[in-house]
Amino acid sequence: MPRGRPKKATLPVPTPGEPETVSTPLPDDDFVGSLKQELARTQAASGAKSGEDLTHRAELNKRLLQDLWEVHNQFEEAGIHLAIDPSQTLFATFVEYPTRWTFRENFDFGAVKTIELGDRATGWVGFGFRAWYYRSPEGRSRLRAIFEWCDGESYHRYSGWMRMMSQAVLYDALDEDVNVRDLHQVLRDVVVQWYAAHLEKTPEKLVAHLKEKYPKGSSYAKESYR
């Protein structure tokens, strides 16, 4: 009887969903253990640094939110509708809306990276103040505050109606070096002009003031929801 060909050895195929077997490291190979230790030290150092930065940022964000909420209330008294982000329902507990309130203890103020006060009045969508944190090329955290406005709309064949946005840079500094008095000064200047523009029912003077007094920021196209 002819003898058949010997069968080839086959490797076991892992069953889907089952973990593959991990080989045991060689006794003299300390790569895994040393790597875990290094990563743990790196994480601890990063966590400590982040905690310091976020503590400072939390206090700065509280001040900004308090200031912008007061601006919101002053505009609302004149029938000018603004919206704050993050929402007041997240960071504040109201005893008597909108003037008597306290900060929520369970809100993480240090985690807030962007604060915005946007215009929601008819014909003013796109106008607003925004402050956000970013990393410089050197890896340092900075705070930038801008005022943004809409320069009009244009129709694009493939993307539809787009709003043309422009910015004026009001303030930019390392977040650890932010001078609240200086920030208040530029905020007061812009808020007064913003308020006056609403009373005059035209943004022309406001835009002219921003272009004349402050450095030009980014310009970009943004989708217009019609």
N, C-alpha and C. Protein backbone atom coordinates (compact mmCIF):
# COMPACT_ATOMS: atom_id res chain seq x y z
N MET A 1 0.86 -1.19 0.00
CA MET A 1 0.00 0.00 0.00
C MET A 1 0.89 1.24 0.00
N PRO A 2 0.72 2.16 -0.98
CA PRO A 2 1.59 3.34 -1.07
C PRO A 2 1.45 4.22 0.16
N ARG A 3 2.59 4.73 0.53
CA ARG A 3 2.60 5.60 1.71
C ARG A 3 2.26 7.02 1.28
N GLY A 4 1.40 7.69 2.00
CA GLY A 4 0.99 9.07 1.67
C GLY A 4 2.07 10.07 2.04
N ARG A 5 1.95 11.25 1.49
CA ARG A 5 2.89 12.32 1.81
C ARG A 5 2.75 12.76 3.27
N PRO A 6 3.87 13.06 3.91
CA PRO A 6 3.76 13.52 5.31
C PRO A 6 3.06 14.86 5.41
N LYS A 7 2.24 14.98 6.39
CA LYS A 7 1.50 16.22 6.57
C LYS A 7 2.41 17.34 7.06
N LYS A 8 2.17 18.55 6.52
CA LYS A 8 2.96 19.72 6.96
C LYS A 8 2.47 20.19 8.33
N ALA A 9 3.43 20.63 9.09
CA ALA A 9 3.07 21.16 10.41
C ALA A 9 2.32 22.47 10.24
N THR A 10 1.28 22.66 10.96
CA THR A 10 0.48 23.89 10.87
C THR A 10 0.52 24.62 12.19
N LEU A 11 0.53 25.97 12.10
CA LEU A 11 0.52 26.80 13.30
C LEU A 11 -0.90 26.98 13.79
N PRO A 12 -1.11 27.03 15.07
CA PRO A 12 -2.48 27.21 15.58
C PRO A 12 -3.01 28.59 15.21
N VAL A 13 -4.25 28.63 14.78
CA VAL A 13 -4.90 29.89 14.42
C VAL A 13 -5.72 30.37 15.60
N PRO A 14 -5.45 31.58 16.08
CA PRO A 14 -6.21 32.06 17.24
C PRO A 14 -7.68 32.25 16.93
N THR A 15 -8.51 31.86 17.83
CA THR A 15 -9.95 32.03 17.67
C THR A 15 -10.32 33.49 17.84
N PRO A 16 -11.11 34.04 16.89
CA PRO A 16 -11.50 35.45 17.03
C PRO A 16 -12.13 35.72 18.39
N GLY A 17 -11.69 36.81 19.02
CA GLY A 17 -12.23 37.19 20.31
C GLY A 17 -11.41 36.68 21.47
N GLU A 18 -10.51 35.72 21.20
CA GLU A 18 -9.67 35.21 22.27
C GLU A 18 -8.32 35.89 22.24
N PRO A 19 -7.74 36.27 23.40
CA PRO A 19 -6.45 36.93 23.44
C PRO A 19 -5.34 36.00 22.99
N GLU A 20 -4.38 36.55 22.24
CA GLU A 20 -3.25 35.74 21.81
C GLU A 20 -2.31 35.52 22.98
N THR A 21 -1.60 34.42 22.94
CA THR A 21 -0.66 34.10 24.00
C THR A 21 0.54 35.03 23.94
N VAL A 22 0.90 35.61 25.06
CA VAL A 22 2.04 36.51 25.12
C VAL A 22 3.25 35.74 25.62
N SER A 23 4.34 35.83 24.86
CA SER A 23 5.53 35.09 25.25
C SER A 23 6.14 35.69 26.51
N THR A 24 6.74 34.85 27.32
CA THR A 24 7.37 35.30 28.56
C THR A 24 8.71 35.97 28.24
N PRO A 25 8.96 37.19 28.78
CA PRO A 25 10.23 37.87 28.50
C PRO A 25 11.40 37.04 28.99
N LEU A 26 12.50 37.16 28.31
CA LEU A 26 13.72 36.48 28.75
C LEU A 26 14.15 37.02 30.10
N PRO A 27 14.82 36.19 30.91
CA PRO A 27 15.23 36.62 32.25
C PRO A 27 16.10 37.87 32.25
N ASP A 28 16.95 38.04 31.20
CA ASP A 28 17.84 39.19 31.17
C ASP A 28 17.27 40.37 30.40
N ASP A 29 16.02 40.26 29.98
CA ASP A 29 15.38 41.34 29.21
C ASP A 29 14.50 42.16 30.15
N ASP A 30 14.96 43.33 30.54
CA ASP A 30 14.22 44.18 31.49
C ASP A 30 13.49 45.32 30.79
N PHE A 31 13.32 45.20 29.47
CA PHE A 31 12.71 46.30 28.71
C PHE A 31 11.31 46.63 29.20
N VAL A 32 10.47 45.61 29.37
CA VAL A 32 9.08 45.85 29.76
C VAL A 32 9.00 46.49 31.13
N GLY A 33 9.73 45.95 32.10
CA GLY A 33 9.67 46.49 33.45
C GLY A 33 10.20 47.91 33.54
N SER A 34 11.35 48.15 32.88
CA SER A 34 11.94 49.49 32.93
C SER A 34 11.07 50.51 32.20
N LEU A 35 10.44 50.07 31.09
CA LEU A 35 9.57 50.98 30.35
C LEU A 35 8.37 51.39 31.19
N LYS A 36 7.78 50.43 31.88
CA LYS A 36 6.63 50.74 32.74
C LYS A 36 7.00 51.77 33.80
N GLN A 37 8.19 51.59 34.38
CA GLN A 37 8.63 52.53 35.41
C GLN A 37 8.84 53.93 34.84
N GLU A 38 9.46 53.99 33.66
CA GLU A 38 9.71 55.29 33.03
C GLU A 38 8.39 55.98 32.68
N LEU A 39 7.46 55.24 32.14
CA LEU A 39 6.16 55.82 31.77
C LEU A 39 5.40 56.28 33.00
N ALA A 40 5.49 55.53 34.08
CA ALA A 40 4.82 55.92 35.32
C ALA A 40 5.40 57.21 35.87
N ARG A 41 6.75 57.35 35.82
CA ARG A 41 7.38 58.58 36.28
C ARG A 41 7.00 59.77 35.40
N THR A 42 6.94 59.53 34.08
CA THR A 42 6.56 60.59 33.14
C THR A 42 5.13 61.04 33.39
N GLN A 43 4.24 60.08 33.63
CA GLN A 43 2.84 60.40 33.88
C GLN A 43 2.69 61.19 35.18
N ALA A 44 3.43 60.81 36.21
CA ALA A 44 3.36 61.51 37.49
C ALA A 44 3.86 62.94 37.36
N ALA A 45 4.98 63.11 36.64
CA ALA A 45 5.52 64.46 36.45
C ALA A 45 4.57 65.33 35.64
N SER A 46 3.98 64.74 34.59
CA SER A 46 3.05 65.49 33.76
C SER A 46 1.79 65.85 34.54
N GLY A 47 1.32 64.92 35.37
CA GLY A 47 0.12 65.18 36.17
C GLY A 47 0.35 66.29 37.16
N ALA A 48 1.52 66.32 37.77
CA ALA A 48 1.82 67.37 38.74
C ALA A 48 1.86 68.72 38.06
N LYS A 49 2.50 68.76 36.88
CA LYS A 49 2.58 70.03 36.15
C LYS A 49 1.21 70.50 35.70
N SER A 50 0.41 69.54 35.17
CA SER A 50 -0.94 69.90 34.73
C SER A 50 -1.78 70.41 35.87
N GLY A 51 -1.61 69.82 37.06
CA GLY A 51 -2.38 70.27 38.21
C GLY A 51 -2.08 71.71 38.54
N GLU A 52 -0.82 72.12 38.48
CA GLU A 52 -0.45 73.50 38.77
C GLU A 52 -1.06 74.44 37.73
N ASP A 53 -0.92 74.07 36.46
CA ASP A 53 -1.44 74.92 35.39
C ASP A 53 -2.97 75.03 35.48
N LEU A 54 -3.63 73.91 35.72
CA LEU A 54 -5.08 73.92 35.73
C LEU A 54 -5.63 74.66 36.94
N THR A 55 -4.91 74.65 38.05
CA THR A 55 -5.36 75.41 39.20
C THR A 55 -5.35 76.90 38.89
N HIS A 56 -4.28 77.36 38.28
CA HIS A 56 -4.19 78.76 37.89
C HIS A 56 -5.24 79.09 36.84
N ARG A 57 -5.39 78.20 35.88
CA ARG A 57 -6.36 78.42 34.81
C ARG A 57 -7.79 78.46 35.34
N ALA A 58 -8.08 77.64 36.33
CA ALA A 58 -9.42 77.61 36.91
C ALA A 58 -9.79 78.97 37.49
N GLU A 59 -8.86 79.59 38.22
CA GLU A 59 -9.14 80.90 38.80
C GLU A 59 -9.32 81.96 37.72
N LEU A 60 -8.49 81.89 36.68
CA LEU A 60 -8.60 82.84 35.58
C LEU A 60 -9.92 82.66 34.84
N ASN A 61 -10.32 81.42 34.63
CA ASN A 61 -11.59 81.15 33.94
C ASN A 61 -12.78 81.63 34.77
N LYS A 62 -12.70 81.46 36.08
CA LYS A 62 -13.78 81.96 36.92
C LYS A 62 -13.95 83.47 36.76
N ARG A 63 -12.83 84.18 36.72
CA ARG A 63 -12.89 85.63 36.58
C ARG A 63 -13.48 86.02 35.23
N LEU A 64 -13.07 85.34 34.17
CA LEU A 64 -13.58 85.63 32.84
C LEU A 64 -15.08 85.34 32.74
N LEU A 65 -15.50 84.22 33.29
CA LEU A 65 -16.92 83.86 33.23
C LEU A 65 -17.77 84.85 34.02
N GLN A 66 -17.27 85.27 35.16
CA GLN A 66 -18.00 86.25 35.97
C GLN A 66 -18.13 87.57 35.22
N ASP A 67 -17.03 88.02 34.60
CA ASP A 67 -17.05 89.28 33.86
C ASP A 67 -17.98 89.21 32.66
N LEU A 68 -17.88 88.13 31.90
CA LEU A 68 -18.69 88.02 30.68
C LEU A 68 -20.16 87.82 31.00
N TRP A 69 -20.46 87.16 32.13
CA TRP A 69 -21.86 87.01 32.50
C TRP A 69 -22.46 88.37 32.87
N GLU A 70 -21.66 89.24 33.48
CA GLU A 70 -22.14 90.58 33.80
C GLU A 70 -22.38 91.37 32.52
N VAL A 71 -21.49 91.23 31.54
CA VAL A 71 -21.70 91.88 30.23
C VAL A 71 -22.99 91.36 29.61
N HIS A 72 -23.19 90.06 29.67
CA HIS A 72 -24.42 89.45 29.16
C HIS A 72 -25.65 90.10 29.79
N ASN A 73 -25.63 90.27 31.10
CA ASN A 73 -26.79 90.83 31.80
C ASN A 73 -27.04 92.28 31.42
N GLN A 74 -25.97 93.06 31.28
CA GLN A 74 -26.11 94.47 30.90
C GLN A 74 -26.73 94.58 29.50
N PHE A 75 -26.31 93.74 28.58
CA PHE A 75 -26.87 93.76 27.22
C PHE A 75 -28.33 93.31 27.23
N GLU A 76 -28.63 92.29 28.03
CA GLU A 76 -30.00 91.78 28.08
C GLU A 76 -30.97 92.84 28.59
N GLU A 77 -30.50 93.69 29.50
CA GLU A 77 -31.36 94.76 30.00
C GLU A 77 -31.78 95.71 28.89
N ALA A 78 -30.95 95.81 27.85
CA ALA A 78 -31.28 96.67 26.70
C ALA A 78 -31.94 95.89 25.57
N GLY A 79 -32.28 94.63 25.85
CA GLY A 79 -32.94 93.81 24.84
C GLY A 79 -31.99 93.26 23.80
N ILE A 80 -30.69 93.21 24.11
CA ILE A 80 -29.68 92.69 23.19
C ILE A 80 -29.31 91.29 23.65
N HIS A 81 -29.58 90.31 22.83
CA HIS A 81 -29.44 88.92 23.25
C HIS A 81 -28.04 88.37 22.94
N LEU A 82 -27.37 87.92 23.99
CA LEU A 82 -26.06 87.29 23.87
C LEU A 82 -26.15 85.88 24.46
N ALA A 83 -25.18 85.04 24.13
CA ALA A 83 -25.11 83.69 24.69
C ALA A 83 -23.69 83.41 25.12
N ILE A 84 -23.54 82.81 26.29
CA ILE A 84 -22.21 82.51 26.83
C ILE A 84 -21.94 81.02 26.71
N ASP A 85 -20.69 80.69 26.43
CA ASP A 85 -20.26 79.31 26.32
C ASP A 85 -18.93 79.16 27.04
N PRO A 86 -18.83 78.26 28.06
CA PRO A 86 -19.83 77.28 28.49
C PRO A 86 -21.08 77.94 29.07
N SER A 87 -22.19 77.24 28.93
CA SER A 87 -23.48 77.77 29.37
C SER A 87 -23.51 78.06 30.87
N GLN A 88 -24.25 79.10 31.22
CA GLN A 88 -24.40 79.46 32.64
C GLN A 88 -25.04 78.34 33.45
N THR A 89 -25.78 77.46 32.79
CA THR A 89 -26.40 76.35 33.51
C THR A 89 -25.36 75.33 33.96
N LEU A 90 -24.17 75.38 33.37
CA LEU A 90 -23.10 74.46 33.74
C LEU A 90 -22.23 75.00 34.86
N PHE A 91 -21.92 76.30 34.82
CA PHE A 91 -20.96 76.83 35.80
C PHE A 91 -21.59 77.59 36.95
N ALA A 92 -22.90 77.87 36.89
CA ALA A 92 -23.52 78.70 37.93
C ALA A 92 -24.76 78.05 38.52
N THR A 93 -24.98 78.33 39.80
CA THR A 93 -26.22 77.97 40.49
C THR A 93 -26.92 79.27 40.86
N PHE A 94 -28.15 79.43 40.39
CA PHE A 94 -28.85 80.70 40.54
C PHE A 94 -29.81 80.68 41.72
N VAL A 95 -29.70 81.74 42.52
CA VAL A 95 -30.67 81.98 43.59
C VAL A 95 -31.81 82.81 43.02
N GLU A 96 -31.45 83.78 42.20
CA GLU A 96 -32.42 84.62 41.49
C GLU A 96 -31.82 84.97 40.14
N TYR A 97 -32.35 84.36 39.09
CA TYR A 97 -31.81 84.55 37.75
C TYR A 97 -32.11 85.96 37.24
N PRO A 98 -31.14 86.64 36.61
CA PRO A 98 -29.78 86.19 36.29
C PRO A 98 -28.70 86.81 37.18
N THR A 99 -29.10 87.57 38.21
CA THR A 99 -28.11 88.39 38.93
C THR A 99 -27.56 87.76 40.22
N ARG A 100 -28.34 86.93 40.88
CA ARG A 100 -27.87 86.34 42.14
C ARG A 100 -27.51 84.88 41.91
N TRP A 101 -26.21 84.59 41.99
CA TRP A 101 -25.74 83.25 41.67
C TRP A 101 -24.39 82.98 42.34
N THR A 102 -24.02 81.70 42.33
CA THR A 102 -22.72 81.28 42.83
C THR A 102 -22.14 80.26 41.85
N PHE A 103 -20.82 80.08 41.90
CA PHE A 103 -20.19 79.09 41.05
C PHE A 103 -20.54 77.69 41.52
N ARG A 104 -20.76 76.78 40.58
CA ARG A 104 -21.01 75.39 40.92
C ARG A 104 -19.72 74.74 41.42
N GLU A 105 -19.79 74.07 42.53
CA GLU A 105 -18.61 73.44 43.11
C GLU A 105 -18.17 72.22 42.30
N ASN A 106 -19.08 71.58 41.60
CA ASN A 106 -18.74 70.35 40.87
C ASN A 106 -18.36 70.61 39.42
N PHE A 107 -18.22 71.89 39.01
CA PHE A 107 -17.83 72.19 37.65
C PHE A 107 -16.31 72.31 37.57
N ASP A 108 -15.71 71.68 36.56
CA ASP A 108 -14.25 71.69 36.41
C ASP A 108 -13.82 72.92 35.62
N PHE A 109 -13.57 74.03 36.31
CA PHE A 109 -13.20 75.27 35.65
C PHE A 109 -11.83 75.18 34.97
N GLY A 110 -10.94 74.37 35.52
CA GLY A 110 -9.62 74.24 34.93
C GLY A 110 -9.63 73.52 33.59
N ALA A 111 -10.68 72.75 33.31
CA ALA A 111 -10.75 72.00 32.06
C ALA A 111 -11.30 72.84 30.91
N VAL A 112 -11.80 74.03 31.19
CA VAL A 112 -12.37 74.89 30.14
C VAL A 112 -11.24 75.48 29.30
N LYS A 113 -11.27 75.23 28.01
CA LYS A 113 -10.22 75.73 27.12
C LYS A 113 -10.67 76.93 26.30
N THR A 114 -11.97 77.11 26.16
CA THR A 114 -12.50 78.22 25.37
C THR A 114 -13.69 78.84 26.08
N ILE A 115 -13.72 80.16 26.11
CA ILE A 115 -14.86 80.90 26.69
C ILE A 115 -15.32 81.90 25.63
N GLU A 116 -16.62 81.94 25.40
CA GLU A 116 -17.13 82.78 24.31
C GLU A 116 -18.41 83.49 24.73
N LEU A 117 -18.53 84.73 24.29
CA LEU A 117 -19.76 85.49 24.46
C LEU A 117 -20.19 85.93 23.07
N GLY A 118 -21.21 85.24 22.55
CA GLY A 118 -21.62 85.46 21.17
C GLY A 118 -22.91 86.25 21.05
N ASP A 119 -22.98 87.05 20.00
CA ASP A 119 -24.17 87.85 19.73
C ASP A 119 -25.23 86.99 19.07
N ARG A 120 -26.45 87.04 19.60
CA ARG A 120 -27.55 86.27 19.05
C ARG A 120 -28.69 87.17 18.56
N ALA A 121 -28.44 88.48 18.53
CA ALA A 121 -29.46 89.40 18.03
C ALA A 121 -29.60 89.24 16.52
N THR A 122 -30.78 89.49 16.00
CA THR A 122 -31.02 89.36 14.57
C THR A 122 -30.08 90.27 13.78
N GLY A 123 -29.40 89.68 12.82
CA GLY A 123 -28.46 90.43 11.99
C GLY A 123 -27.07 90.56 12.57
N TRP A 124 -26.86 90.01 13.78
CA TRP A 124 -25.56 90.13 14.44
C TRP A 124 -24.90 88.79 14.70
N VAL A 125 -25.44 87.73 14.16
CA VAL A 125 -24.86 86.42 14.37
C VAL A 125 -23.46 86.39 13.73
N GLY A 126 -22.49 85.91 14.51
CA GLY A 126 -21.11 85.90 14.04
C GLY A 126 -20.25 86.91 14.77
N PHE A 127 -20.89 87.89 15.42
CA PHE A 127 -20.16 88.87 16.22
C PHE A 127 -19.98 88.30 17.63
N GLY A 128 -18.80 88.53 18.21
CA GLY A 128 -18.63 88.06 19.57
C GLY A 128 -17.20 88.07 20.05
N PHE A 129 -17.07 87.89 21.36
CA PHE A 129 -15.78 87.83 22.04
C PHE A 129 -15.44 86.37 22.31
N ARG A 130 -14.17 86.03 22.12
CA ARG A 130 -13.75 84.66 22.42
C ARG A 130 -12.35 84.68 23.01
N ALA A 131 -12.13 83.86 24.03
CA ALA A 131 -10.81 83.68 24.63
C ALA A 131 -10.53 82.19 24.70
N TRP A 132 -9.31 81.80 24.35
CA TRP A 132 -8.97 80.38 24.40
C TRP A 132 -7.48 80.20 24.70
N TYR A 133 -7.17 79.00 25.17
CA TYR A 133 -5.80 78.64 25.51
C TYR A 133 -5.19 77.83 24.36
N TYR A 134 -3.91 78.07 24.10
CA TYR A 134 -3.22 77.32 23.07
C TYR A 134 -1.75 77.16 23.45
N ARG A 135 -1.08 76.27 22.76
CA ARG A 135 0.33 76.01 23.02
C ARG A 135 1.19 76.77 22.01
N SER A 136 2.19 77.48 22.53
CA SER A 136 3.12 78.18 21.66
C SER A 136 4.09 77.15 21.06
N PRO A 137 4.88 77.54 20.03
CA PRO A 137 5.87 76.60 19.47
C PRO A 137 6.85 76.09 20.51
N GLU A 138 7.06 76.87 21.58
CA GLU A 138 7.95 76.44 22.66
C GLU A 138 7.25 75.51 23.64
N GLY A 139 5.95 75.25 23.42
CA GLY A 139 5.22 74.35 24.29
C GLY A 139 4.62 75.00 25.52
N ARG A 140 4.57 76.33 25.55
CA ARG A 140 4.03 77.02 26.72
C ARG A 140 2.57 77.40 26.48
N SER A 141 1.79 77.38 27.54
CA SER A 141 0.37 77.69 27.43
C SER A 141 0.14 79.20 27.41
N ARG A 142 -0.66 79.64 26.44
CA ARG A 142 -0.96 81.06 26.29
C ARG A 142 -2.47 81.27 26.23
N LEU A 143 -2.89 82.47 26.57
CA LEU A 143 -4.29 82.86 26.45
C LEU A 143 -4.40 83.94 25.38
N ARG A 144 -5.29 83.72 24.44
CA ARG A 144 -5.55 84.73 23.41
C ARG A 144 -7.01 85.13 23.45
N ALA A 145 -7.27 86.43 23.39
CA ALA A 145 -8.64 86.95 23.35
C ALA A 145 -8.82 87.72 22.05
N ILE A 146 -9.93 87.46 21.38
CA ILE A 146 -10.20 88.13 20.11
C ILE A 146 -11.66 88.61 20.08
N PHE A 147 -11.92 89.55 19.19
CA PHE A 147 -13.31 89.86 18.85
C PHE A 147 -13.47 89.49 17.39
N GLU A 148 -14.55 88.79 17.11
CA GLU A 148 -14.79 88.26 15.77
C GLU A 148 -16.07 88.86 15.20
N TRP A 149 -16.08 89.06 13.90
CA TRP A 149 -17.29 89.58 13.26
C TRP A 149 -17.43 89.02 11.86
N CYS A 150 -18.63 89.16 11.31
CA CYS A 150 -18.93 88.67 9.98
C CYS A 150 -18.83 89.83 8.99
N ASP A 151 -18.03 89.64 7.95
CA ASP A 151 -17.85 90.67 6.92
C ASP A 151 -18.81 90.49 5.76
N GLY A 152 -19.80 89.64 5.93
CA GLY A 152 -20.76 89.40 4.85
C GLY A 152 -20.78 87.95 4.44
N GLU A 153 -21.60 87.64 3.46
CA GLU A 153 -21.74 86.28 2.97
C GLU A 153 -21.50 86.22 1.47
N SER A 154 -21.06 85.07 1.02
CA SER A 154 -20.88 84.86 -0.42
C SER A 154 -21.26 83.42 -0.74
N TYR A 155 -21.66 83.20 -1.98
CA TYR A 155 -22.10 81.87 -2.39
C TYR A 155 -20.98 81.16 -3.12
N HIS A 156 -20.72 79.91 -2.71
CA HIS A 156 -19.69 79.10 -3.33
C HIS A 156 -20.36 77.89 -3.99
N ARG A 157 -19.92 77.59 -5.18
CA ARG A 157 -20.58 76.57 -5.99
C ARG A 157 -20.69 75.23 -5.28
N TYR A 158 -19.60 74.81 -4.63
CA TYR A 158 -19.58 73.48 -4.03
C TYR A 158 -19.91 73.45 -2.54
N SER A 159 -19.77 74.56 -1.88
CA SER A 159 -20.01 74.58 -0.43
C SER A 159 -21.22 75.40 -0.01
N GLY A 160 -21.87 76.08 -0.96
CA GLY A 160 -23.07 76.85 -0.65
C GLY A 160 -22.72 78.21 -0.06
N TRP A 161 -23.64 78.75 0.74
CA TRP A 161 -23.44 80.06 1.35
C TRP A 161 -22.43 79.98 2.50
N MET A 162 -21.46 80.90 2.46
CA MET A 162 -20.42 80.94 3.47
C MET A 162 -20.33 82.35 4.06
N ARG A 163 -20.15 82.40 5.39
CA ARG A 163 -19.91 83.68 6.05
C ARG A 163 -18.42 83.97 6.06
N MET A 164 -18.05 85.19 5.72
CA MET A 164 -16.65 85.59 5.73
C MET A 164 -16.34 86.23 7.08
N MET A 165 -15.48 85.56 7.86
CA MET A 165 -15.21 85.97 9.22
C MET A 165 -13.85 86.67 9.35
N SER A 166 -13.82 87.70 10.21
CA SER A 166 -12.58 88.42 10.50
C SER A 166 -12.41 88.53 12.00
N GLN A 167 -11.15 88.73 12.43
CA GLN A 167 -10.86 88.83 13.85
C GLN A 167 -9.90 89.98 14.14
N ALA A 168 -10.06 90.54 15.34
CA ALA A 168 -9.09 91.49 15.89
C ALA A 168 -8.54 90.87 17.16
N VAL A 169 -7.22 90.88 17.29
CA VAL A 169 -6.58 90.28 18.47
C VAL A 169 -6.55 91.32 19.59
N LEU A 170 -7.29 91.06 20.65
CA LEU A 170 -7.40 92.01 21.77
C LEU A 170 -6.30 91.81 22.80
N TYR A 171 -5.92 90.55 22.99
CA TYR A 171 -4.97 90.25 24.08
C TYR A 171 -4.32 88.91 23.81
N ASP A 172 -3.03 88.80 24.14
CA ASP A 172 -2.32 87.53 23.99
C ASP A 172 -1.15 87.51 24.95
N ALA A 173 -1.12 86.53 25.85
CA ALA A 173 -0.04 86.44 26.84
C ALA A 173 0.04 85.03 27.38
N LEU A 174 1.20 84.71 27.98
CA LEU A 174 1.31 83.46 28.70
C LEU A 174 0.23 83.44 29.78
N ASP A 175 -0.47 82.31 29.94
CA ASP A 175 -1.59 82.31 30.90
C ASP A 175 -1.11 82.59 32.33
N GLU A 176 0.14 82.25 32.63
CA GLU A 176 0.66 82.54 33.96
C GLU A 176 0.99 84.01 34.15
N ASP A 177 1.09 84.75 33.01
CA ASP A 177 1.42 86.17 33.07
C ASP A 177 0.24 87.08 32.74
N VAL A 178 -0.96 86.51 32.62
CA VAL A 178 -2.12 87.32 32.27
C VAL A 178 -2.35 88.40 33.32
N ASN A 179 -2.43 89.63 32.86
CA ASN A 179 -2.72 90.77 33.73
C ASN A 179 -4.21 91.07 33.61
N VAL A 180 -4.96 90.74 34.64
CA VAL A 180 -6.42 90.89 34.58
C VAL A 180 -6.82 92.34 34.35
N ARG A 181 -6.06 93.28 34.91
CA ARG A 181 -6.38 94.70 34.71
C ARG A 181 -6.25 95.08 33.24
N ASP A 182 -5.20 94.60 32.57
CA ASP A 182 -5.03 94.88 31.15
C ASP A 182 -6.13 94.23 30.32
N LEU A 183 -6.47 93.00 30.70
CA LEU A 183 -7.53 92.30 29.99
C LEU A 183 -8.86 93.02 30.17
N HIS A 184 -9.12 93.52 31.37
CA HIS A 184 -10.34 94.29 31.61
C HIS A 184 -10.37 95.57 30.78
N GLN A 185 -9.24 96.18 30.60
CA GLN A 185 -9.17 97.44 29.86
C GLN A 185 -9.61 97.24 28.41
N VAL A 186 -9.07 96.21 27.76
CA VAL A 186 -9.45 95.99 26.36
C VAL A 186 -10.89 95.47 26.27
N LEU A 187 -11.30 94.67 27.24
CA LEU A 187 -12.67 94.15 27.23
C LEU A 187 -13.67 95.29 27.39
N ARG A 188 -13.37 96.21 28.31
CA ARG A 188 -14.25 97.35 28.51
C ARG A 188 -14.35 98.20 27.25
N ASP A 189 -13.21 98.45 26.60
CA ASP A 189 -13.19 99.24 25.38
C ASP A 189 -14.07 98.63 24.30
N VAL A 190 -13.92 97.32 24.08
CA VAL A 190 -14.67 96.66 23.02
C VAL A 190 -16.15 96.53 23.37
N VAL A 191 -16.45 96.23 24.62
CA VAL A 191 -17.85 96.07 25.03
C VAL A 191 -18.62 97.38 24.85
N VAL A 192 -18.02 98.50 25.20
CA VAL A 192 -18.68 99.80 25.03
C VAL A 192 -18.97 100.06 23.55
N GLN A 193 -18.00 99.77 22.70
CA GLN A 193 -18.20 99.96 21.25
C GLN A 193 -19.26 99.01 20.71
N TRP A 194 -19.25 97.81 21.20
CA TRP A 194 -20.23 96.79 20.80
C TRP A 194 -21.64 97.22 21.19
N TYR A 195 -21.77 97.68 22.41
CA TYR A 195 -23.07 98.15 22.93
C TYR A 195 -23.56 99.35 22.12
N ALA A 196 -22.66 100.31 21.87
CA ALA A 196 -23.03 101.50 21.10
C ALA A 196 -23.47 101.13 19.69
N ALA A 197 -22.81 100.15 19.09
CA ALA A 197 -23.16 99.73 17.74
C ALA A 197 -24.58 99.18 17.70
N HIS A 198 -24.97 98.46 18.74
CA HIS A 198 -26.35 97.96 18.80
C HIS A 198 -27.35 99.11 18.93
N LEU A 199 -27.02 100.09 19.75
CA LEU A 199 -27.94 101.23 19.91
C LEU A 199 -28.07 102.01 18.61
N GLU A 200 -26.98 102.07 17.83
CA GLU A 200 -27.02 102.77 16.55
C GLU A 200 -27.53 101.88 15.42
N LYS A 201 -27.70 100.58 15.74
CA LYS A 201 -28.25 99.59 14.81
C LYS A 201 -27.37 99.40 13.58
N THR A 202 -26.08 99.56 13.74
CA THR A 202 -25.13 99.29 12.66
C THR A 202 -23.76 98.95 13.24
N PRO A 203 -23.08 97.97 12.66
CA PRO A 203 -21.78 97.57 13.19
C PRO A 203 -20.60 98.34 12.59
N GLU A 204 -20.86 99.30 11.73
CA GLU A 204 -19.78 99.95 10.99
C GLU A 204 -18.74 100.59 11.89
N LYS A 205 -19.16 101.34 12.89
CA LYS A 205 -18.20 102.01 13.77
C LYS A 205 -17.43 101.00 14.62
N LEU A 206 -18.10 99.96 15.04
CA LEU A 206 -17.45 98.93 15.83
C LEU A 206 -16.34 98.26 15.02
N VAL A 207 -16.64 97.86 13.80
CA VAL A 207 -15.65 97.20 12.95
C VAL A 207 -14.49 98.14 12.64
N ALA A 208 -14.80 99.41 12.36
CA ALA A 208 -13.75 100.38 12.08
C ALA A 208 -12.84 100.57 13.29
N HIS A 209 -13.44 100.60 14.47
CA HIS A 209 -12.67 100.75 15.72
C HIS A 209 -11.74 99.55 15.93
N LEU A 210 -12.25 98.35 15.71
CA LEU A 210 -11.45 97.14 15.89
C LEU A 210 -10.28 97.10 14.91
N LYS A 211 -10.54 97.48 13.66
CA LYS A 211 -9.49 97.45 12.64
C LYS A 211 -8.41 98.49 12.92
N GLU A 212 -8.82 99.63 13.46
CA GLU A 212 -7.88 100.71 13.70
C GLU A 212 -7.03 100.48 14.95
N LYS A 213 -7.62 99.92 16.01
CA LYS A 213 -6.95 99.88 17.30
C LYS A 213 -6.22 98.56 17.60
N TYR A 214 -6.66 97.45 17.00
CA TYR A 214 -6.12 96.15 17.38
C TYR A 214 -5.51 95.42 16.17
N PRO A 215 -4.52 94.56 16.44
CA PRO A 215 -3.90 93.78 15.35
C PRO A 215 -4.93 92.87 14.68
N LYS A 216 -4.71 92.66 13.40
CA LYS A 216 -5.59 91.79 12.64
C LYS A 216 -5.34 90.34 13.00
N GLY A 217 -6.40 89.59 13.20
CA GLY A 217 -6.30 88.16 13.47
C GLY A 217 -6.60 87.36 12.22
N SER A 218 -7.12 86.18 12.40
CA SER A 218 -7.40 85.28 11.27
C SER A 218 -8.63 85.73 10.49
N SER A 219 -8.64 85.39 9.21
CA SER A 219 -9.81 85.56 8.35
C SER A 219 -10.11 84.20 7.74
N TYR A 220 -11.37 83.83 7.72
CA TYR A 220 -11.72 82.51 7.20
C TYR A 220 -13.19 82.48 6.80
N ALA A 221 -13.56 81.46 6.06
CA ALA A 221 -14.94 81.27 5.64
C ALA A 221 -15.60 80.24 6.54
N LYS A 222 -16.83 80.52 6.91
CA LYS A 222 -17.58 79.64 7.81
C LYS A 222 -18.94 79.38 7.23
N GLU A 223 -19.40 78.14 7.35
CA GLU A 223 -20.69 77.76 6.77
C GLU A 223 -21.82 78.61 7.34
N SER A 224 -22.69 79.07 6.44
CA SER A 224 -23.83 79.89 6.85
C SER A 224 -25.08 79.03 6.83
N TYR A 225 -25.75 78.97 7.98
CA TYR A 225 -26.97 78.18 8.08
C TYR A 225 -28.17 79.06 7.75
N ARG A 226 -28.70 78.88 6.57
CA ARG A 226 -29.82 79.70 6.13
C ARG A 226 -31.12 78.93 6.28
